């Protein structure tokens, strides 16, 4: 009987520790996503930079008035510089999107 209780206790402690780790990972993902959005809207380049990998390769499809589409490329440095330039500050508060949905956390990577 004592062995079963000990085993159950060890399993519960392991589940609790794993749950706390997942919660911490989810919070870090949420904070990173918010640093990206808030950094952009606030013109806070340091906050933006904290949310980006230096290897960022952002792609943006843009369509002009003649219905021609092109694919623009942006590096991490370009996004940080754009943030520093205050381009995001031009977005009216009512149009700012800061909701974060975490779709998954797997092996040290998250999708939000």
N, C-alpha and C. Protein backbone atom coordinates (compact mmCIF):
# COMPACT_ATOMS: atom_id res chain seq x y z
N UNK A 1 0.82 -1.19 0.00
CA UNK A 1 0.00 0.00 0.00
C UNK A 1 0.87 1.26 0.00
N UNK A 2 1.90 1.28 0.86
CA UNK A 2 2.78 2.45 0.96
C UNK A 2 3.46 2.73 -0.38
N UNK A 3 3.86 1.67 -1.07
CA UNK A 3 4.51 1.84 -2.38
C UNK A 3 3.56 2.50 -3.37
N UNK A 4 2.31 2.09 -3.37
CA UNK A 4 1.34 2.66 -4.31
C UNK A 4 1.13 4.14 -4.02
N UNK A 5 1.04 4.51 -2.75
CA UNK A 5 0.84 5.91 -2.38
C UNK A 5 2.06 6.73 -2.79
N UNK A 6 3.25 6.19 -2.56
CA UNK A 6 4.48 6.88 -2.94
C UNK A 6 4.54 7.06 -4.45
N UNK A 7 4.21 6.03 -5.19
CA UNK A 7 4.23 6.12 -6.66
C UNK A 7 3.24 7.17 -7.15
N UNK A 8 2.04 7.16 -6.58
CA UNK A 8 1.02 8.13 -6.97
C UNK A 8 1.50 9.54 -6.64
N UNK A 9 2.11 9.72 -5.47
CA UNK A 9 2.62 11.03 -5.07
C UNK A 9 3.69 11.52 -6.04
N UNK A 10 4.61 10.64 -6.41
CA UNK A 10 5.68 11.00 -7.34
C UNK A 10 5.09 11.39 -8.70
N UNK A 11 4.12 10.63 -9.16
CA UNK A 11 3.47 10.96 -10.44
C UNK A 11 2.78 12.31 -10.36
N UNK A 12 2.07 12.58 -9.27
CA UNK A 12 1.37 13.86 -9.11
C UNK A 12 2.36 15.03 -9.04
N UNK A 13 3.47 14.84 -8.35
CA UNK A 13 4.49 15.89 -8.28
C UNK A 13 5.04 16.15 -9.68
N UNK A 14 5.29 15.09 -10.43
CA UNK A 14 5.79 15.24 -11.80
C UNK A 14 4.80 15.95 -12.69
N UNK A 15 3.53 15.63 -12.56
CA UNK A 15 2.49 16.29 -13.36
C UNK A 15 2.40 17.76 -12.99
N UNK A 16 2.47 18.07 -11.70
CA UNK A 16 2.41 19.46 -11.26
C UNK A 16 3.60 20.26 -11.78
N UNK A 17 4.80 19.67 -11.72
CA UNK A 17 5.99 20.35 -12.22
C UNK A 17 5.91 20.56 -13.72
N UNK A 18 5.44 19.55 -14.45
CA UNK A 18 5.30 19.67 -15.89
C UNK A 18 4.26 20.73 -16.24
N UNK A 19 3.18 20.77 -15.49
CA UNK A 19 2.13 21.77 -15.72
C UNK A 19 2.65 23.18 -15.48
N UNK A 20 3.45 23.35 -14.43
CA UNK A 20 4.03 24.67 -14.14
C UNK A 20 4.99 25.09 -15.25
N UNK A 21 5.74 24.13 -15.79
CA UNK A 21 6.66 24.44 -16.88
C UNK A 21 5.89 24.85 -18.13
N UNK A 22 4.82 24.14 -18.45
CA UNK A 22 4.00 24.48 -19.61
C UNK A 22 3.38 25.86 -19.43
N UNK A 23 2.89 26.15 -18.22
CA UNK A 23 2.32 27.47 -17.94
C UNK A 23 3.37 28.57 -18.14
N UNK A 24 4.59 28.33 -17.67
CA UNK A 24 5.67 29.32 -17.82
C UNK A 24 6.01 29.50 -19.30
N UNK A 25 6.04 28.40 -20.06
CA UNK A 25 6.32 28.50 -21.49
C UNK A 25 5.22 29.29 -22.20
N UNK A 26 3.97 29.00 -21.86
CA UNK A 26 2.84 29.71 -22.48
C UNK A 26 2.89 31.20 -22.14
N UNK A 27 3.26 31.52 -20.91
CA UNK A 27 3.37 32.93 -20.50
C UNK A 27 4.49 33.63 -21.27
N UNK A 28 5.61 32.93 -21.47
CA UNK A 28 6.73 33.51 -22.23
C UNK A 28 6.32 33.74 -23.69
N UNK A 29 5.57 32.82 -24.25
CA UNK A 29 5.09 32.99 -25.63
C UNK A 29 4.16 34.18 -25.71
N UNK A 30 3.25 34.28 -24.75
CA UNK A 30 2.31 35.41 -24.74
C UNK A 30 3.06 36.73 -24.59
N UNK A 31 4.04 36.79 -23.69
CA UNK A 31 4.79 38.02 -23.47
C UNK A 31 5.55 38.41 -24.73
N UNK A 32 6.12 37.44 -25.43
CA UNK A 32 6.85 37.72 -26.66
C UNK A 32 5.92 38.29 -27.73
N UNK A 33 4.74 37.68 -27.88
CA UNK A 33 3.77 38.18 -28.86
C UNK A 33 3.31 39.59 -28.50
N UNK A 34 3.09 39.83 -27.22
CA UNK A 34 2.68 41.18 -26.79
C UNK A 34 3.80 42.19 -26.97
N UNK A 35 5.04 41.78 -26.73
CA UNK A 35 6.18 42.69 -26.97
C UNK A 35 6.23 43.11 -28.43
N UNK A 36 5.93 42.18 -29.31
CA UNK A 36 5.90 42.48 -30.75
C UNK A 36 4.82 43.52 -31.04
N UNK A 37 3.60 43.25 -30.63
CA UNK A 37 2.47 44.15 -30.92
C UNK A 37 2.62 45.49 -30.20
N UNK A 38 2.86 45.43 -28.90
CA UNK A 38 2.97 46.67 -28.12
C UNK A 38 4.17 47.49 -28.56
N UNK A 39 5.29 46.81 -28.84
CA UNK A 39 6.48 47.52 -29.31
C UNK A 39 6.18 48.29 -30.58
N UNK A 40 5.46 47.66 -31.50
CA UNK A 40 5.11 48.32 -32.77
C UNK A 40 4.23 49.54 -32.53
N UNK A 41 3.16 49.35 -31.78
CA UNK A 41 2.21 50.44 -31.56
C UNK A 41 2.79 51.58 -30.71
N UNK A 42 3.70 51.23 -29.80
CA UNK A 42 4.29 52.24 -28.91
C UNK A 42 5.56 52.87 -29.51
N UNK A 43 6.06 52.32 -30.59
CA UNK A 43 7.31 52.80 -31.15
C UNK A 43 8.50 52.44 -30.27
N UNK A 44 8.39 51.34 -29.53
CA UNK A 44 9.42 50.89 -28.60
C UNK A 44 10.30 49.84 -29.28
N UNK A 45 11.41 50.29 -29.87
CA UNK A 45 12.29 49.40 -30.63
C UNK A 45 12.90 48.31 -29.76
N UNK A 46 13.21 48.62 -28.50
CA UNK A 46 13.79 47.60 -27.61
C UNK A 46 12.79 46.48 -27.34
N UNK A 47 11.54 46.84 -27.12
CA UNK A 47 10.49 45.84 -26.89
C UNK A 47 10.31 44.98 -28.14
N UNK A 48 10.30 45.63 -29.30
CA UNK A 48 10.16 44.89 -30.55
C UNK A 48 11.33 43.94 -30.74
N UNK A 49 12.54 44.45 -30.54
CA UNK A 49 13.73 43.62 -30.74
C UNK A 49 13.73 42.40 -29.83
N UNK A 50 13.20 42.56 -28.61
CA UNK A 50 13.16 41.42 -27.67
C UNK A 50 12.23 40.31 -28.16
N UNK A 51 11.34 40.63 -29.08
CA UNK A 51 10.37 39.65 -29.58
C UNK A 51 10.82 38.96 -30.87
N UNK A 52 11.94 39.38 -31.42
CA UNK A 52 12.34 38.90 -32.74
C UNK A 52 13.59 38.03 -32.70
N UNK A 53 13.64 37.08 -33.58
CA UNK A 53 14.87 36.34 -33.84
C UNK A 53 15.69 37.20 -34.80
N UNK A 54 17.01 37.26 -34.63
CA UNK A 54 17.83 38.01 -35.58
C UNK A 54 17.72 37.44 -37.00
N UNK A 55 17.26 36.20 -37.12
CA UNK A 55 17.13 35.54 -38.41
C UNK A 55 15.74 35.73 -39.04
N UNK A 56 14.94 36.64 -38.47
CA UNK A 56 13.59 36.86 -38.99
C UNK A 56 13.61 37.11 -40.49
N UNK A 57 12.68 36.47 -41.18
CA UNK A 57 12.47 36.71 -42.61
C UNK A 57 10.96 36.87 -42.77
N UNK A 58 10.49 38.08 -42.61
CA UNK A 58 9.05 38.36 -42.69
C UNK A 58 8.69 38.65 -44.14
N UNK A 59 7.60 38.07 -44.58
CA UNK A 59 7.10 38.28 -45.93
C UNK A 59 5.73 38.93 -45.85
N UNK A 60 5.50 39.93 -46.69
CA UNK A 60 4.23 40.65 -46.70
C UNK A 60 3.75 40.75 -48.14
N UNK A 61 2.56 40.22 -48.41
CA UNK A 61 1.96 40.35 -49.74
C UNK A 61 1.21 41.68 -49.78
N UNK A 62 1.54 42.50 -50.76
CA UNK A 62 0.90 43.81 -50.91
C UNK A 62 0.27 43.90 -52.30
N UNK A 63 -0.94 44.45 -52.35
CA UNK A 63 -1.64 44.64 -53.61
C UNK A 63 -1.87 46.13 -53.80
N UNK A 64 -1.51 46.64 -54.98
CA UNK A 64 -1.67 48.06 -55.25
C UNK A 64 -3.04 48.35 -55.87
N UNK A 65 -3.29 49.61 -56.22
CA UNK A 65 -4.57 50.04 -56.77
C UNK A 65 -4.88 49.38 -58.12
N UNK A 66 -3.85 48.94 -58.83
CA UNK A 66 -4.04 48.28 -60.11
C UNK A 66 -4.22 46.77 -59.95
N UNK A 67 -4.42 46.34 -58.71
CA UNK A 67 -4.63 44.93 -58.37
C UNK A 67 -3.41 44.06 -58.68
N UNK A 68 -2.23 44.67 -58.65
CA UNK A 68 -0.97 43.94 -58.83
C UNK A 68 -0.42 43.62 -57.45
N UNK A 69 -0.01 42.39 -57.27
CA UNK A 69 0.49 41.94 -55.96
C UNK A 69 1.98 41.71 -56.04
N UNK A 70 2.66 42.11 -54.99
CA UNK A 70 4.10 41.84 -54.89
C UNK A 70 4.37 41.32 -53.48
N UNK A 71 5.47 40.63 -53.34
CA UNK A 71 5.88 40.08 -52.06
C UNK A 71 7.06 40.87 -51.54
N UNK A 72 6.85 41.57 -50.43
CA UNK A 72 7.93 42.34 -49.80
C UNK A 72 8.59 41.49 -48.73
N UNK A 73 9.86 41.76 -48.52
CA UNK A 73 10.67 41.04 -47.53
C UNK A 73 11.13 42.03 -46.46
N UNK A 74 11.09 41.59 -45.20
CA UNK A 74 11.55 42.46 -44.12
C UNK A 74 12.43 41.64 -43.16
N UNK A 75 13.58 42.19 -42.81
CA UNK A 75 14.48 41.56 -41.85
C UNK A 75 14.13 42.04 -40.44
N UNK A 76 14.72 41.42 -39.45
CA UNK A 76 14.52 41.85 -38.07
C UNK A 76 14.98 43.30 -37.89
N UNK A 77 16.13 43.63 -38.44
CA UNK A 77 16.66 44.98 -38.29
C UNK A 77 15.73 46.01 -38.94
N UNK A 78 15.18 45.69 -40.10
CA UNK A 78 14.26 46.61 -40.77
C UNK A 78 13.00 46.82 -39.93
N UNK A 79 12.50 45.75 -39.31
CA UNK A 79 11.31 45.88 -38.47
C UNK A 79 11.61 46.70 -37.21
N UNK A 80 12.77 46.50 -36.62
CA UNK A 80 13.17 47.28 -35.45
C UNK A 80 13.31 48.75 -35.84
N UNK A 81 13.94 49.01 -36.98
CA UNK A 81 14.11 50.40 -37.42
C UNK A 81 12.76 51.05 -37.75
N UNK A 82 11.85 50.30 -38.36
CA UNK A 82 10.51 50.81 -38.62
C UNK A 82 9.77 51.13 -37.35
N UNK A 83 9.97 50.28 -36.34
CA UNK A 83 9.36 50.52 -35.03
C UNK A 83 9.94 51.79 -34.42
N UNK A 84 11.26 51.90 -34.46
CA UNK A 84 11.94 53.08 -33.93
C UNK A 84 11.47 54.35 -34.65
N UNK A 85 11.15 54.23 -35.94
CA UNK A 85 10.65 55.36 -36.71
C UNK A 85 9.21 55.74 -36.38
N UNK A 86 8.54 54.93 -35.57
CA UNK A 86 7.20 55.27 -35.11
C UNK A 86 6.07 54.95 -36.07
N UNK A 87 6.33 54.10 -37.06
CA UNK A 87 5.29 53.79 -38.03
C UNK A 87 4.05 53.17 -37.38
N UNK A 88 4.26 52.34 -36.36
CA UNK A 88 3.13 51.71 -35.67
C UNK A 88 2.31 52.68 -34.84
N UNK A 89 2.91 53.78 -34.44
CA UNK A 89 2.20 54.78 -33.66
C UNK A 89 1.09 55.44 -34.46
N UNK A 90 1.13 55.30 -35.77
CA UNK A 90 0.12 55.89 -36.64
C UNK A 90 -1.19 55.10 -36.61
N UNK A 91 -1.17 53.91 -36.04
CA UNK A 91 -2.38 53.08 -35.97
C UNK A 91 -3.27 53.59 -34.85
N UNK A 92 -4.50 53.97 -35.17
CA UNK A 92 -5.42 54.44 -34.12
C UNK A 92 -5.62 53.36 -33.05
N UNK A 93 -5.75 53.77 -31.81
CA UNK A 93 -5.90 52.84 -30.69
C UNK A 93 -7.02 51.83 -30.94
N UNK A 94 -8.13 52.29 -31.48
CA UNK A 94 -9.27 51.40 -31.73
C UNK A 94 -8.96 50.30 -32.74
N UNK A 95 -7.93 50.50 -33.56
CA UNK A 95 -7.56 49.52 -34.59
C UNK A 95 -6.38 48.64 -34.18
N UNK A 96 -5.82 48.88 -33.02
CA UNK A 96 -4.67 48.10 -32.57
C UNK A 96 -5.13 46.72 -32.11
N UNK A 97 -4.45 45.70 -32.58
CA UNK A 97 -4.78 44.33 -32.21
C UNK A 97 -3.71 43.78 -31.28
N UNK A 98 -4.14 43.38 -30.10
CA UNK A 98 -3.19 42.86 -29.11
C UNK A 98 -3.67 41.56 -28.48
N UNK A 99 -4.63 40.91 -29.09
CA UNK A 99 -5.10 39.62 -28.58
C UNK A 99 -4.09 38.55 -28.93
N UNK A 100 -3.81 37.67 -27.99
CA UNK A 100 -2.85 36.59 -28.23
C UNK A 100 -3.56 35.26 -28.00
N UNK A 101 -3.53 34.41 -29.01
CA UNK A 101 -4.05 33.05 -28.91
C UNK A 101 -2.87 32.12 -29.13
N UNK A 102 -2.65 31.23 -28.18
CA UNK A 102 -1.57 30.25 -28.30
C UNK A 102 -2.18 28.97 -28.85
N UNK A 103 -1.71 28.57 -30.02
CA UNK A 103 -2.26 27.38 -30.67
C UNK A 103 -1.58 26.11 -30.22
N UNK A 104 -0.31 26.21 -29.85
CA UNK A 104 0.39 25.01 -29.43
C UNK A 104 1.79 25.30 -28.94
N UNK A 105 2.28 24.40 -28.08
CA UNK A 105 3.64 24.46 -27.56
C UNK A 105 4.20 23.05 -27.70
N UNK A 106 5.27 22.92 -28.48
CA UNK A 106 5.86 21.61 -28.69
C UNK A 106 7.37 21.72 -28.75
N UNK A 107 8.04 21.00 -27.89
CA UNK A 107 9.49 20.91 -27.95
C UNK A 107 10.22 22.22 -27.97
N UNK A 108 9.83 23.17 -27.15
CA UNK A 108 10.51 24.45 -27.06
C UNK A 108 10.09 25.46 -28.12
N UNK A 109 9.08 25.13 -28.92
CA UNK A 109 8.58 26.05 -29.93
C UNK A 109 7.10 26.28 -29.70
N UNK A 110 6.63 27.46 -30.00
CA UNK A 110 5.23 27.76 -29.82
C UNK A 110 4.64 28.41 -31.05
N UNK A 111 3.36 28.22 -31.23
CA UNK A 111 2.63 28.86 -32.32
C UNK A 111 1.54 29.71 -31.68
N UNK A 112 1.56 31.01 -32.01
CA UNK A 112 0.59 31.92 -31.42
C UNK A 112 0.01 32.82 -32.49
